[in-house]
Amino acid sequence: MEFQKFIGLKQQCEAILRGIGFRKLPPELMSEIFLCLTRPVLELNGNYALFPHFLKVPFILSRVCRRWRTVALSTPALW
């Protein structure tokens, strides 16, 4: 039941992002999303895991486009 609730919420978030586009998100929200890539996530088996290349996340994000670079560089917790 909890997993289905999570999937539903994930799909709603994806639909919102598709509708407004990531480009229109405020930098503060983008920073939070970027930081989520560096935090452990709870897997279905109950273990915590990190994004496979979490040490490279700041560098990867800063190479996407000028706006992402600005947001990444202005997020000290990312580094």
N, C-alpha and C. Protein backbone atom coordinates (compact mmCIF):
# COMPACT_ATOMS: atom_id res chain seq x y z
N MET A 1 0.82 -1.20 0.00
CA MET A 1 0.00 0.00 0.00
C MET A 1 0.87 1.26 0.00
N GLU A 2 1.88 1.30 0.85
CA GLU A 2 2.76 2.45 0.95
C GLU A 2 3.52 2.67 -0.36
N PHE A 3 3.94 1.57 -0.98
CA PHE A 3 4.67 1.66 -2.23
C PHE A 3 3.78 2.26 -3.33
N GLN A 4 2.53 1.84 -3.39
CA GLN A 4 1.60 2.37 -4.39
C GLN A 4 1.38 3.88 -4.19
N LYS A 5 1.33 4.29 -2.94
CA LYS A 5 1.17 5.71 -2.62
C LYS A 5 2.40 6.49 -3.13
N PHE A 6 3.58 5.92 -2.92
CA PHE A 6 4.82 6.54 -3.39
C PHE A 6 4.81 6.66 -4.91
N ILE A 7 4.43 5.59 -5.59
CA ILE A 7 4.40 5.60 -7.06
C ILE A 7 3.44 6.66 -7.56
N GLY A 8 2.29 6.78 -6.92
CA GLY A 8 1.31 7.79 -7.31
C GLY A 8 1.86 9.20 -7.15
N LEU A 9 2.54 9.44 -6.03
CA LEU A 9 3.13 10.75 -5.77
C LEU A 9 4.23 11.05 -6.78
N LYS A 10 5.03 10.04 -7.09
CA LYS A 10 6.10 10.20 -8.08
C LYS A 10 5.52 10.57 -9.44
N GLN A 11 4.46 9.92 -9.83
CA GLN A 11 3.84 10.20 -11.12
C GLN A 11 3.24 11.61 -11.15
N GLN A 12 2.68 12.05 -10.03
CA GLN A 12 2.15 13.41 -9.96
C GLN A 12 3.26 14.44 -10.12
N CYS A 13 4.38 14.20 -9.45
CA CYS A 13 5.52 15.12 -9.54
C CYS A 13 6.06 15.17 -10.96
N GLU A 14 6.15 14.02 -11.60
CA GLU A 14 6.64 13.98 -12.98
C GLU A 14 5.70 14.74 -13.90
N ALA A 15 4.40 14.60 -13.69
CA ALA A 15 3.43 15.30 -14.53
C ALA A 15 3.54 16.81 -14.33
N ILE A 16 3.76 17.24 -13.10
CA ILE A 16 3.92 18.67 -12.83
C ILE A 16 5.16 19.20 -13.53
N LEU A 17 6.26 18.47 -13.42
CA LEU A 17 7.50 18.92 -14.05
C LEU A 17 7.38 18.94 -15.56
N ARG A 18 6.66 17.99 -16.13
CA ARG A 18 6.46 17.99 -17.58
C ARG A 18 5.61 19.19 -17.99
N GLY A 19 4.63 19.50 -17.14
CA GLY A 19 3.71 20.60 -17.46
C GLY A 19 4.35 21.97 -17.39
N ILE A 20 5.15 22.22 -16.37
CA ILE A 20 5.73 23.55 -16.23
C ILE A 20 7.14 23.62 -16.78
N GLY A 21 7.77 22.49 -16.89
CA GLY A 21 9.15 22.46 -17.38
C GLY A 21 10.13 22.78 -16.27
N PHE A 22 11.24 22.11 -16.30
CA PHE A 22 12.27 22.28 -15.27
C PHE A 22 12.88 23.67 -15.34
N ARG A 23 12.84 24.28 -16.52
CA ARG A 23 13.43 25.60 -16.71
C ARG A 23 12.74 26.67 -15.89
N LYS A 24 11.47 26.47 -15.57
CA LYS A 24 10.71 27.49 -14.86
C LYS A 24 10.77 27.34 -13.34
N LEU A 25 11.44 26.30 -12.86
CA LEU A 25 11.55 26.12 -11.42
C LEU A 25 12.45 27.19 -10.82
N PRO A 26 12.11 27.67 -9.62
CA PRO A 26 12.99 28.64 -8.98
C PRO A 26 14.31 27.99 -8.57
N PRO A 27 15.39 28.76 -8.53
CA PRO A 27 16.71 28.20 -8.19
C PRO A 27 16.73 27.49 -6.84
N GLU A 28 15.96 27.97 -5.87
CA GLU A 28 15.93 27.34 -4.55
C GLU A 28 15.40 25.91 -4.62
N LEU A 29 14.39 25.71 -5.45
CA LEU A 29 13.83 24.37 -5.61
C LEU A 29 14.79 23.47 -6.39
N MET A 30 15.44 24.05 -7.38
CA MET A 30 16.43 23.27 -8.14
C MET A 30 17.56 22.83 -7.22
N SER A 31 17.99 23.71 -6.32
CA SER A 31 19.05 23.35 -5.36
C SER A 31 18.64 22.16 -4.52
N GLU A 32 17.40 22.16 -4.05
CA GLU A 32 16.92 21.04 -3.23
C GLU A 32 16.89 19.75 -4.03
N ILE A 33 16.47 19.84 -5.27
CA ILE A 33 16.44 18.65 -6.12
C ILE A 33 17.87 18.14 -6.36
N PHE A 34 18.78 19.06 -6.61
CA PHE A 34 20.18 18.67 -6.81
C PHE A 34 20.73 17.98 -5.56
N LEU A 35 20.41 18.53 -4.40
CA LEU A 35 20.91 17.95 -3.14
C LEU A 35 20.37 16.54 -2.91
N CYS A 36 19.16 16.28 -3.39
CA CYS A 36 18.59 14.93 -3.24
C CYS A 36 19.45 13.88 -3.93
N LEU A 37 20.18 14.26 -4.96
CA LEU A 37 21.03 13.31 -5.67
C LEU A 37 22.26 12.92 -4.88
N THR A 38 22.56 13.67 -3.82
CA THR A 38 23.74 13.36 -3.01
C THR A 38 23.37 12.66 -1.71
N ARG A 39 22.09 12.46 -1.47
CA ARG A 39 21.63 11.84 -0.23
C ARG A 39 21.29 10.37 -0.45
N PRO A 40 21.46 9.57 0.59
CA PRO A 40 21.07 8.16 0.46
C PRO A 40 19.56 8.04 0.28
N VAL A 41 19.13 7.05 -0.47
CA VAL A 41 17.70 6.80 -0.66
C VAL A 41 17.36 5.41 -0.14
N LEU A 42 16.17 5.26 0.34
CA LEU A 42 15.71 3.97 0.86
C LEU A 42 15.24 3.11 -0.30
N GLU A 43 15.84 1.96 -0.44
CA GLU A 43 15.45 1.03 -1.51
C GLU A 43 14.28 0.17 -1.04
N LEU A 44 13.69 -0.56 -1.97
CA LEU A 44 12.54 -1.40 -1.64
C LEU A 44 12.88 -2.48 -0.62
N ASN A 45 14.13 -2.94 -0.59
CA ASN A 45 14.52 -4.01 0.33
C ASN A 45 14.85 -3.48 1.73
N GLY A 46 14.69 -2.16 1.95
CA GLY A 46 14.92 -1.59 3.26
C GLY A 46 16.33 -1.07 3.49
N ASN A 47 17.22 -1.27 2.53
CA ASN A 47 18.58 -0.77 2.63
C ASN A 47 18.68 0.64 2.04
N TYR A 48 19.67 1.36 2.49
CA TYR A 48 19.93 2.68 1.93
C TYR A 48 21.00 2.57 0.85
N ALA A 49 20.83 3.36 -0.18
CA ALA A 49 21.80 3.35 -1.29
C ALA A 49 22.06 4.78 -1.74
N LEU A 50 23.21 5.00 -2.33
CA LEU A 50 23.56 6.29 -2.89
C LEU A 50 23.44 6.25 -4.40
N PHE A 51 23.18 7.41 -4.99
CA PHE A 51 23.22 7.55 -6.43
C PHE A 51 24.58 7.02 -6.89
N PRO A 52 24.63 6.19 -7.92
CA PRO A 52 25.88 5.52 -8.29
C PRO A 52 27.09 6.45 -8.42
N HIS A 53 26.90 7.65 -8.92
CA HIS A 53 28.03 8.56 -9.12
C HIS A 53 27.87 9.80 -8.25
N PHE A 54 27.46 9.60 -6.99
CA PHE A 54 27.12 10.74 -6.14
C PHE A 54 28.29 11.69 -5.92
N LEU A 55 29.53 11.21 -5.99
CA LEU A 55 30.67 12.10 -5.82
C LEU A 55 30.85 13.02 -7.03
N LYS A 56 30.35 12.59 -8.18
CA LYS A 56 30.47 13.38 -9.40
C LYS A 56 29.26 14.28 -9.64
N VAL A 57 28.23 14.16 -8.82
CA VAL A 57 26.99 14.90 -9.05
C VAL A 57 27.21 16.39 -9.29
N PRO A 58 27.96 17.09 -8.43
CA PRO A 58 28.12 18.53 -8.66
C PRO A 58 28.74 18.84 -10.03
N PHE A 59 29.70 18.03 -10.44
CA PHE A 59 30.36 18.26 -11.72
C PHE A 59 29.43 17.96 -12.89
N ILE A 60 28.66 16.90 -12.76
CA ILE A 60 27.70 16.54 -13.82
C ILE A 60 26.65 17.63 -13.97
N LEU A 61 26.08 18.08 -12.84
CA LEU A 61 25.04 19.10 -12.89
C LEU A 61 25.56 20.42 -13.45
N SER A 62 26.78 20.74 -13.12
CA SER A 62 27.32 22.03 -13.56
C SER A 62 27.67 22.05 -15.05
N ARG A 63 27.56 20.92 -15.72
CA ARG A 63 27.87 20.86 -17.15
C ARG A 63 26.63 20.79 -18.04
N VAL A 64 25.45 20.77 -17.45
CA VAL A 64 24.23 20.63 -18.24
C VAL A 64 23.96 21.89 -19.05
N CYS A 65 23.91 23.02 -18.39
CA CYS A 65 23.68 24.29 -19.06
C CYS A 65 24.10 25.41 -18.11
N ARG A 66 24.07 26.63 -18.61
CA ARG A 66 24.53 27.78 -17.82
C ARG A 66 23.71 27.94 -16.53
N ARG A 67 22.40 27.79 -16.65
CA ARG A 67 21.55 27.98 -15.47
C ARG A 67 21.83 26.91 -14.41
N TRP A 68 21.96 25.66 -14.83
CA TRP A 68 22.26 24.59 -13.87
C TRP A 68 23.61 24.83 -13.22
N ARG A 69 24.57 25.31 -14.01
CA ARG A 69 25.90 25.59 -13.46
C ARG A 69 25.82 26.66 -12.39
N THR A 70 25.07 27.72 -12.67
CA THR A 70 24.91 28.80 -11.70
C THR A 70 24.26 28.30 -10.42
N VAL A 71 23.21 27.50 -10.56
CA VAL A 71 22.52 26.96 -9.38
C VAL A 71 23.44 26.01 -8.62
N ALA A 72 24.12 25.14 -9.33
CA ALA A 72 25.01 24.17 -8.67
C ALA A 72 26.13 24.90 -7.92
N LEU A 73 26.74 25.88 -8.56
CA LEU A 73 27.84 26.61 -7.92
C LEU A 73 27.37 27.46 -6.75
N SER A 74 26.10 27.86 -6.75
CA SER A 74 25.58 28.67 -5.65
C SER A 74 24.93 27.82 -4.55
N THR A 75 25.15 26.51 -4.61
CA THR A 75 24.62 25.60 -3.58
C THR A 75 25.80 24.98 -2.84
N PRO A 76 26.30 25.66 -1.78
CA PRO A 76 27.49 25.19 -1.07
C PRO A 76 27.38 23.76 -0.54
N ALA A 77 26.19 23.35 -0.11
CA ALA A 77 26.02 22.01 0.45
C ALA A 77 26.25 20.92 -0.59
N LEU A 78 26.17 21.29 -1.85
CA LEU A 78 26.41 20.32 -2.93
C LEU A 78 27.88 19.96 -3.03
N TRP A 79 28.75 20.83 -2.61
CA TRP A 79 30.19 20.64 -2.73
C TRP A 79 30.75 20.16 -1.42
